C-alpha atoms as a PDB file:
ATOM      1  CA  UNK A   1       4.025  11.398   9.516  1.00  0.00           C
ATOM      2  CA  UNK A   2       7.025  12.216   7.367  1.00  0.00           C
ATOM      3  CA  UNK A   3       7.576  12.406   3.650  1.00  0.00           C
ATOM      4  CA  UNK A   4      10.864  13.521   2.183  1.00  0.00           C
ATOM      5  CA  UNK A   5      12.984  13.387  -0.936  1.00  0.00           C
ATOM      6  CA  UNK A   6      16.784  13.479  -1.003  1.00  0.00           C
ATOM      7  CA  UNK A   7      18.111  15.923  -3.576  1.00  0.00           C
ATOM      8  CA  UNK A   8      21.443  17.434  -4.498  1.00  0.00           C
ATOM      9  CA  UNK A   9      24.832  15.848  -4.974  1.00  0.00           C
ATOM     10  CA  UNK A  10      24.896  12.083  -4.498  1.00  0.00           C
ATOM     11  CA  UNK A  11      28.288  12.451  -2.821  1.00  0.00           C
ATOM     12  CA  UNK A  12      26.552  13.920   0.258  1.00  0.00           C
ATOM     13  CA  UNK A  13      23.700  11.403   0.341  1.00  0.00           C
ATOM     14  CA  UNK A  14      23.332   8.472   2.746  1.00  0.00           C
ATOM     15  CA  UNK A  15      24.769   5.146   1.670  1.00  0.00           C
ATOM     16  CA  UNK A  16      23.356   1.807   2.806  1.00  0.00           C
ATOM     17  CA  UNK A  17      25.890  -0.911   2.024  1.00  0.00           C
ATOM     18  CA  UNK A  18      24.561  -4.467   2.034  1.00  0.00           C
ATOM     19  CA  UNK A  19      26.469  -7.726   2.337  1.00  0.00           C
ATOM     20  CA  UNK A  20      24.272 -10.741   1.635  1.00  0.00           C
ATOM     21  CA  UNK A  21      25.213 -14.310   2.454  1.00  0.00           C
ATOM     22  CA  UNK A  22      24.054 -17.842   3.101  1.00  0.00           C
ATOM     23  CA  UNK A  23      24.447 -18.796   6.767  1.00  0.00           C
ATOM     24  CA  UNK A  24      26.119 -22.211   6.671  1.00  0.00           C
ATOM     25  CA  UNK A  25      25.025 -23.275  10.139  1.00  0.00           C
ATOM     26  CA  UNK A  26      23.021 -20.792  12.200  1.00  0.00           C
ATOM     27  CA  UNK A  27      22.652 -17.026  12.158  1.00  0.00           C
ATOM     28  CA  UNK A  28      23.532 -17.016  15.847  1.00  0.00           C
ATOM     29  CA  UNK A  29      27.181 -17.395  14.852  1.00  0.00           C
ATOM     30  CA  UNK A  30      26.928 -14.169  12.853  1.00  0.00           C
ATOM     31  CA  UNK A  31      25.063 -12.357  15.645  1.00  0.00           C
ATOM     32  CA  UNK A  32      27.671 -13.397  18.206  1.00  0.00           C
ATOM     33  CA  UNK A  33      30.543 -12.287  15.988  1.00  0.00           C
ATOM     34  CA  UNK A  34      29.013  -8.851  15.420  1.00  0.00           C
ATOM     35  CA  UNK A  35      28.045  -8.563  19.095  1.00  0.00           C
ATOM     36  CA  UNK A  36      31.635  -9.084  20.153  1.00  0.00           C
ATOM     37  CA  UNK A  37      32.929  -6.411  17.789  1.00  0.00           C
ATOM     38  CA  UNK A  38      30.188  -3.773  17.604  1.00  0.00           C
ATOM     39  CA  UNK A  39      29.742  -3.736  21.383  1.00  0.00           C
ATOM     40  CA  UNK A  40      33.460  -3.216  21.928  1.00  0.00           C
ATOM     41  CA  UNK A  41      35.607  -0.075  22.013  1.00  0.00           C
ATOM     42  CA  UNK A  42      37.215  -1.183  18.736  1.00  0.00           C
ATOM     43  CA  UNK A  43      34.033  -0.229  16.865  1.00  0.00           C
ATOM     44  CA  UNK A  44      33.955   3.359  18.098  1.00  0.00           C
ATOM     45  CA  UNK A  45      33.065   5.641  15.175  1.00  0.00           C
ATOM     46  CA  UNK A  46      31.153   2.957  13.250  1.00  0.00           C
ATOM     47  CA  UNK A  47      27.674   3.564  11.846  1.00  0.00           C
ATOM     48  CA  UNK A  48      24.517   1.573  12.657  1.00  0.00           C
ATOM     49  CA  UNK A  49      24.426  -2.013  11.366  1.00  0.00           C
ATOM     50  CA  UNK A  50      21.338  -4.216  11.002  1.00  0.00           C
ATOM     51  CA  UNK A  51      21.064  -7.925  10.288  1.00  0.00           C
ATOM     52  CA  UNK A  52      18.090  -9.096   8.209  1.00  0.00           C
ATOM     53  CA  UNK A  53      16.835 -12.606   7.498  1.00  0.00           C
ATOM     54  CA  UNK A  54      15.312 -13.517   4.118  1.00  0.00           C
ATOM     55  CA  UNK A  55      12.845 -16.346   4.890  1.00  0.00           C
ATOM     56  CA  UNK A  56      11.054 -16.032   1.519  1.00  0.00           C
ATOM     57  CA  UNK A  57      13.116 -14.753  -1.384  1.00  0.00           C
ATOM     58  CA  UNK A  58      12.536 -16.884  -4.478  1.00  0.00           C
ATOM     59  CA  UNK A  59      15.667 -17.571  -6.506  1.00  0.00           C
ATOM     60  CA  UNK A  60      17.878 -15.439  -4.249  1.00  0.00           C
ATOM     61  CA  UNK A  61      20.302 -17.790  -2.491  1.00  0.00           C
ATOM     62  CA  UNK A  62      21.024 -15.414   0.395  1.00  0.00           C
ATOM     63  CA  UNK A  63      19.526 -16.270   3.767  1.00  0.00           C
ATOM     64  CA  UNK A  64      20.619 -13.007   5.404  1.00  0.00           C
ATOM     65  CA  UNK A  65      22.015  -9.549   4.730  1.00  0.00           C
ATOM     66  CA  UNK A  66      23.982  -7.272   7.019  1.00  0.00           C
ATOM     67  CA  UNK A  67      23.312  -3.608   6.201  1.00  0.00           C
ATOM     68  CA  UNK A  68      25.610  -0.746   7.168  1.00  0.00           C
ATOM     69  CA  UNK A  69      23.699   2.563   7.322  1.00  0.00           C
ATOM     70  CA  UNK A  70      26.085   5.453   6.688  1.00  0.00           C
ATOM     71  CA  UNK A  71      24.980   9.095   6.629  1.00  0.00           C
ATOM     72  CA  UNK A  72      27.619   9.868   4.007  1.00  0.00           C
ATOM     73  CA  UNK A  73      30.059   7.997   1.763  1.00  0.00           C
ATOM     74  CA  UNK A  74      32.847   9.301   4.027  1.00  0.00           C
ATOM     75  CA  UNK A  75      31.255   7.440   6.945  1.00  0.00           C
ATOM     76  CA  UNK A  76      31.132   4.280   4.848  1.00  0.00           C
ATOM     77  CA  UNK A  77      34.843   4.577   4.131  1.00  0.00           C
ATOM     78  CA  UNK A  78      35.438   5.124   7.844  1.00  0.00           C
ATOM     79  CA  UNK A  79      33.574   1.891   8.598  1.00  0.00           C
ATOM     80  CA  UNK A  80      35.802  -0.019   6.184  1.00  0.00           C
ATOM     81  CA  UNK A  81      38.962   1.420   7.734  1.00  0.00           C
ATOM     82  CA  UNK A  82      37.815   0.453  11.241  1.00  0.00           C
ATOM     83  CA  UNK A  83      36.977  -3.089  10.117  1.00  0.00           C
ATOM     84  CA  UNK A  84      40.271  -3.539   8.301  1.00  0.00           C
ATOM     85  CA  UNK A  85      42.489  -1.586  10.693  1.00  0.00           C
ATOM     86  CA  UNK A  86      41.535  -3.017  14.074  1.00  0.00           C
ATOM     87  CA  UNK A  87      42.271  -6.408  15.597  1.00  0.00           C
ATOM     88  CA  UNK A  88      38.594  -6.692  16.586  1.00  0.00           C
ATOM     89  CA  UNK A  89      37.495  -6.005  13.038  1.00  0.00           C
ATOM     90  CA  UNK A  90      39.931  -8.532  11.621  1.00  0.00           C
ATOM     91  CA  UNK A  91      38.748 -11.133  14.124  1.00  0.00           C
ATOM     92  CA  UNK A  92      35.133 -10.487  13.147  1.00  0.00           C
ATOM     93  CA  UNK A  93      35.868 -10.825   9.435  1.00  0.00           C
ATOM     94  CA  UNK A  94      37.781 -14.055  10.011  1.00  0.00           C
ATOM     95  CA  UNK A  95      34.893 -15.533  11.990  1.00  0.00           C
ATOM     96  CA  UNK A  96      32.297 -14.215   9.553  1.00  0.00           C
ATOM     97  CA  UNK A  97      33.800 -15.825   6.459  1.00  0.00           C
ATOM     98  CA  UNK A  98      34.169 -19.135   8.275  1.00  0.00           C
ATOM     99  CA  UNK A  99      30.442 -19.412   8.986  1.00  0.00           C
ATOM    100  CA  UNK A 100      28.877 -17.909   5.848  1.00  0.00           C
ATOM    101  CA  UNK A 101      28.934 -18.259   2.078  1.00  0.00           C
ATOM    102  CA  UNK A 102      29.050 -14.767   0.467  1.00  0.00           C
ATOM    103  CA  UNK A 103      26.328 -14.254  -2.152  1.00  0.00           C
ATOM    104  CA  UNK A 104      26.349 -10.588  -3.185  1.00  0.00           C
ATOM    105  CA  UNK A 105      27.158  -7.076  -2.031  1.00  0.00           C
ATOM    106  CA  UNK A 106      26.358  -3.540  -3.075  1.00  0.00           C
ATOM    107  CA  UNK A 107      25.014  -0.221  -1.835  1.00  0.00           C
ATOM    108  CA  UNK A 108      21.957   1.922  -2.337  1.00  0.00           C
ATOM    109  CA  UNK A 109      20.912   5.452  -1.436  1.00  0.00           C
ATOM    110  CA  UNK A 110      17.443   6.289  -0.096  1.00  0.00           C
ATOM    111  CA  UNK A 111      15.967   8.886  -2.470  1.00  0.00           C
ATOM    112  CA  UNK A 112      12.379   9.078  -1.190  1.00  0.00           C
ATOM    113  CA  UNK A 113      10.669   7.941   1.976  1.00  0.00           C
ATOM    114  CA  UNK A 114       7.197   7.995   3.478  1.00  0.00           C
ATOM    115  CA  UNK A 115       5.984   7.304   7.009  1.00  0.00           C
ATOM    116  CA  UNK A 116       7.599   7.163  10.432  1.00  0.00           C
ATOM    117  CA  UNK A 117       9.808   4.121  10.086  1.00  0.00           C
ATOM    118  CA  UNK A 118      11.086   2.584  13.319  1.00  0.00           C
ATOM    119  CA  UNK A 119      13.305  -0.342  12.249  1.00  0.00           C
ATOM    120  CA  UNK A 120      13.028  -1.933  15.677  1.00  0.00           C
ATOM    121  CA  UNK A 121       9.213  -1.711  15.600  1.00  0.00           C
ATOM    122  CA  UNK A 122       8.492  -2.309  11.906  1.00  0.00           C
ATOM    123  CA  UNK A 123      10.463  -5.549  11.790  1.00  0.00           C
ATOM    124  CA  UNK A 124       8.686  -7.224   8.848  1.00  0.00           C
ATOM    125  CA  UNK A 125       9.278  -5.875   5.353  1.00  0.00           C
ATOM    126  CA  UNK A 126       8.839  -6.583   1.676  1.00  0.00           C
ATOM    127  CA  UNK A 127      11.819  -5.861  -0.549  1.00  0.00           C
ATOM    128  CA  UNK A 128      10.834  -5.173  -4.168  1.00  0.00           C
ATOM    129  CA  UNK A 129      13.605  -5.228  -6.796  1.00  0.00           C
ATOM    130  CA  UNK A 130      12.953  -2.867  -9.707  1.00  0.00           C
ATOM    131  CA  UNK A 131      14.369  -2.016 -13.105  1.00  0.00           C
ATOM    132  CA  UNK A 132      13.415   1.579 -13.978  1.00  0.00           C
ATOM    133  CA  UNK A 133      13.948   3.160 -17.395  1.00  0.00           C
ATOM    134  CA  UNK A 134      13.013   6.779 -16.614  1.00  0.00           C
ATOM    135  CA  UNK A 135      14.098   7.645 -13.074  1.00  0.00           C
ATOM    136  CA  UNK A 136      12.561  11.109 -12.935  1.00  0.00           C
ATOM    137  CA  UNK A 137       9.145  10.026 -14.190  1.00  0.00           C
ATOM    138  CA  UNK A 138       9.002   7.033 -11.874  1.00  0.00           C
ATOM    139  CA  UNK A 139      10.003   9.054  -8.819  1.00  0.00           C
ATOM    140  CA  UNK A 140       7.304  11.641  -9.534  1.00  0.00           C
ATOM    141  CA  UNK A 141       4.594   8.993  -9.973  1.00  0.00           C
ATOM    142  CA  UNK A 142       5.742   6.960  -6.968  1.00  0.00           C
ATOM    143  CA  UNK A 143       5.811  10.011  -4.686  1.00  0.00           C
ATOM    144  CA  UNK A 144       2.269  11.059  -5.562  1.00  0.00           C
ATOM    145  CA  UNK A 145       0.812   7.580  -5.128  1.00  0.00           C
ATOM    146  CA  UNK A 146       2.644   6.615  -1.937  1.00  0.00           C
ATOM    147  CA  UNK A 147       2.009   9.928  -0.209  1.00  0.00           C
ATOM    148  CA  UNK A 148      -1.724   9.601  -0.807  1.00  0.00           C
ATOM    149  CA  UNK A 149      -2.287   5.864  -0.421  1.00  0.00           C
ATOM    150  CA  UNK A 150       0.407   4.035   1.532  1.00  0.00           C
ATOM    151  CA  UNK A 151      -0.541   2.779   4.994  1.00  0.00           C
ATOM    152  CA  UNK A 152       2.958   1.538   5.827  1.00  0.00           C
ATOM    153  CA  UNK A 153       6.404   3.161   5.937  1.00  0.00           C
ATOM    154  CA  UNK A 154       8.051   2.864   2.528  1.00  0.00           C
ATOM    155  CA  UNK A 155      11.469   3.845   1.218  1.00  0.00           C
ATOM    156  CA  UNK A 156      12.691   3.988  -2.373  1.00  0.00           C
ATOM    157  CA  UNK A 157      16.398   3.371  -2.951  1.00  0.00           C
ATOM    158  CA  UNK A 158      18.573   4.018  -5.974  1.00  0.00           C
ATOM    159  CA  UNK A 159      20.888   1.004  -6.259  1.00  0.00           C
ATOM    160  CA  UNK A 160      24.129   2.779  -7.114  1.00  0.00           C
ATOM    161  CA  UNK A 161      26.418  -0.208  -6.606  1.00  0.00           C
ATOM    162  CA  UNK A 162      24.089  -3.036  -7.421  1.00  0.00           C
ATOM    163  CA  UNK A 163      24.437  -6.594  -6.279  1.00  0.00           C
ATOM    164  CA  UNK A 164      21.348  -7.731  -8.206  1.00  0.00           C
ATOM    165  CA  UNK A 165      21.591  -8.142 -11.980  1.00  0.00           C
ATOM    166  CA  UNK A 166      19.489  -5.566 -13.830  1.00  0.00           C
ATOM    167  CA  UNK A 167      18.273  -3.814 -10.675  1.00  0.00           C
ATOM    168  CA  UNK A 168      18.354  -0.012 -10.699  1.00  0.00           C
ATOM    169  CA  UNK A 169      16.126   0.672  -7.679  1.00  0.00           C
ATOM    170  CA  UNK A 170      14.489  -1.140  -4.800  1.00  0.00           C
ATOM    171  CA  UNK A 171      11.609  -0.386  -2.462  1.00  0.00           C
ATOM    172  CA  UNK A 172      11.320  -1.497   1.157  1.00  0.00           C
ATOM    173  CA  UNK A 173       7.798  -1.483   2.634  1.00  0.00           C
ATOM    174  CA  UNK A 174       7.690  -2.210   6.370  1.00  0.00           C
ATOM    175  CA  UNK A 175       5.098  -3.191   8.964  1.00  0.00           C
ATOM    176  CA  UNK A 176       4.775  -4.459  12.517  1.00  0.00           C
ATOM    177  CA  UNK A 177       3.525  -7.883  11.383  1.00  0.00           C
ATOM    178  CA  UNK A 178       3.249  -9.993   8.240  1.00  0.00           C
ATOM    179  CA  UNK A 179      -0.548  -9.839   8.441  1.00  0.00           C
ATOM    180  CA  UNK A 180      -0.451  -6.049   8.552  1.00  0.00           C
ATOM    181  CA  UNK A 181       1.999  -5.917   5.646  1.00  0.00           C
ATOM    182  CA  UNK A 182      -0.036  -8.195   3.357  1.00  0.00           C
ATOM    183  CA  UNK A 183      -3.434  -6.678   4.173  1.00  0.00           C
ATOM    184  CA  UNK A 184      -2.276  -3.119   3.606  1.00  0.00           C
ATOM    185  CA  UNK A 185      -0.487  -3.991   0.359  1.00  0.00           C
ATOM    186  CA  UNK A 186      -3.568  -5.784  -0.970  1.00  0.00           C
ATOM    187  CA  UNK A 187      -5.914  -2.949  -0.075  1.00  0.00           C
ATOM    188  CA  UNK A 188      -3.581  -0.288  -1.471  1.00  0.00           C
ATOM    189  CA  UNK A 189      -2.642  -1.942  -4.763  1.00  0.00           C
ATOM    190  CA  UNK A 190      -6.070  -3.519  -5.219  1.00  0.00           C
ATOM    191  CA  UNK A 191      -7.846  -0.172  -5.123  1.00  0.00           C
ATOM    192  CA  UNK A 192      -8.790   1.732  -8.259  1.00  0.00           C
ATOM    193  CA  UNK A 193      -5.932   4.164  -7.643  1.00  0.00           C
ATOM    194  CA  UNK A 194      -3.589   1.219  -7.163  1.00  0.00           C
ATOM    195  CA  UNK A 195      -4.586  -0.288 -10.494  1.00  0.00           C
ATOM    196  CA  UNK A 196      -4.166   3.097 -12.206  1.00  0.00           C
ATOM    197  CA  UNK A 197      -0.750   3.451 -10.578  1.00  0.00           C
ATOM    198  CA  UNK A 198       0.349   0.081 -11.985  1.00  0.00           C
ATOM    199  CA  UNK A 199      -0.990   0.928 -15.435  1.00  0.00           C
ATOM    200  CA  UNK A 200       0.820   4.276 -15.459  1.00  0.00           C
ATOM    201  CA  UNK A 201       4.155   2.506 -14.920  1.00  0.00           C
ATOM    202  CA  UNK A 202       3.874   0.113 -17.862  1.00  0.00           C
ATOM    203  CA  UNK A 203       6.965   0.351 -20.029  1.00  0.00           C
ATOM    204  CA  UNK A 204       8.907   2.158 -17.315  1.00  0.00           C
ATOM    205  CA  UNK A 205       8.950  -0.310 -14.425  1.00  0.00           C
ATOM    206  CA  UNK A 206       9.865  -3.975 -14.354  1.00  0.00           C
ATOM    207  CA  UNK A 207       9.520  -5.896 -11.095  1.00  0.00           C
ATOM    208  CA  UNK A 208      12.472  -8.281 -10.864  1.00  0.00           C
ATOM    209  CA  UNK A 209      11.558  -9.942  -7.591  1.00  0.00           C
ATOM    210  CA  UNK A 210       9.962  -9.668  -4.169  1.00  0.00           C
ATOM    211  CA  UNK A 211      11.395 -10.873  -0.872  1.00  0.00           C
ATOM    212  CA  UNK A 212      10.099 -11.122   2.666  1.00  0.00           C
ATOM    213  CA  UNK A 213      12.680  -9.819   5.116  1.00  0.00           C
ATOM    214  CA  UNK A 214      12.723  -9.800   8.911  1.00  0.00           C
ATOM    215  CA  UNK A 215      14.944  -7.745  11.190  1.00  0.00           C
ATOM    216  CA  UNK A 216      17.098 -10.055  13.314  1.00  0.00           C
ATOM    217  CA  UNK A 217      19.084  -7.478  15.280  1.00  0.00           C
ATOM    218  CA  UNK A 218      20.205  -3.848  15.211  1.00  0.00           C
ATOM    219  CA  UNK A 219      23.465  -2.421  16.472  1.00  0.00           C
ATOM    220  CA  UNK A 220      22.619   1.256  16.908  1.00  0.00           C
ATOM    221  CA  UNK A 221      25.445   3.761  16.756  1.00  0.00           C
END
């Protein structure tokens, strides 16, 4: 069991860049393109990338997002240079934009996390888009509630370079199955403490949307 909060200068914090798109034909075209590049010597020095599908996401037009998990902003910039400066990276980008319709892009930083998340085990997640007015107060309340009540791994992100209008933060709650995810969310938020948690956030938290996301593939680095 882990529970941690990232503090200090944002410049040294992790950065998860996301590139969301509508797959025009099949996601296999995207998987194959990334396989060819990220499994090659041209990608040496890159950070971990994960491809997620969005089977249920309301008004969001994106069917998938590719997420680049960088330990630091410097690593993110290194990723960009490798993509743009190698023939393999250029080939990938050319293929990618031929088979997808770009929807949005941005980047967030994980600022609090609970539970032992294994992305390749907890492959079903709920993404909750939030608009927060008082960051400090929300973080304090969220930490106390999640630490005591959450049954699933959960991570709170600050959306520093947002691709979603009005979004300041987002939460990802993960599970091994959809049944497990829904049951644990219902029992947690439906409890007396869950109702008190929701009441305490009135005026400070606006939920902009919820999406079901599934991990398609990880390229671990």
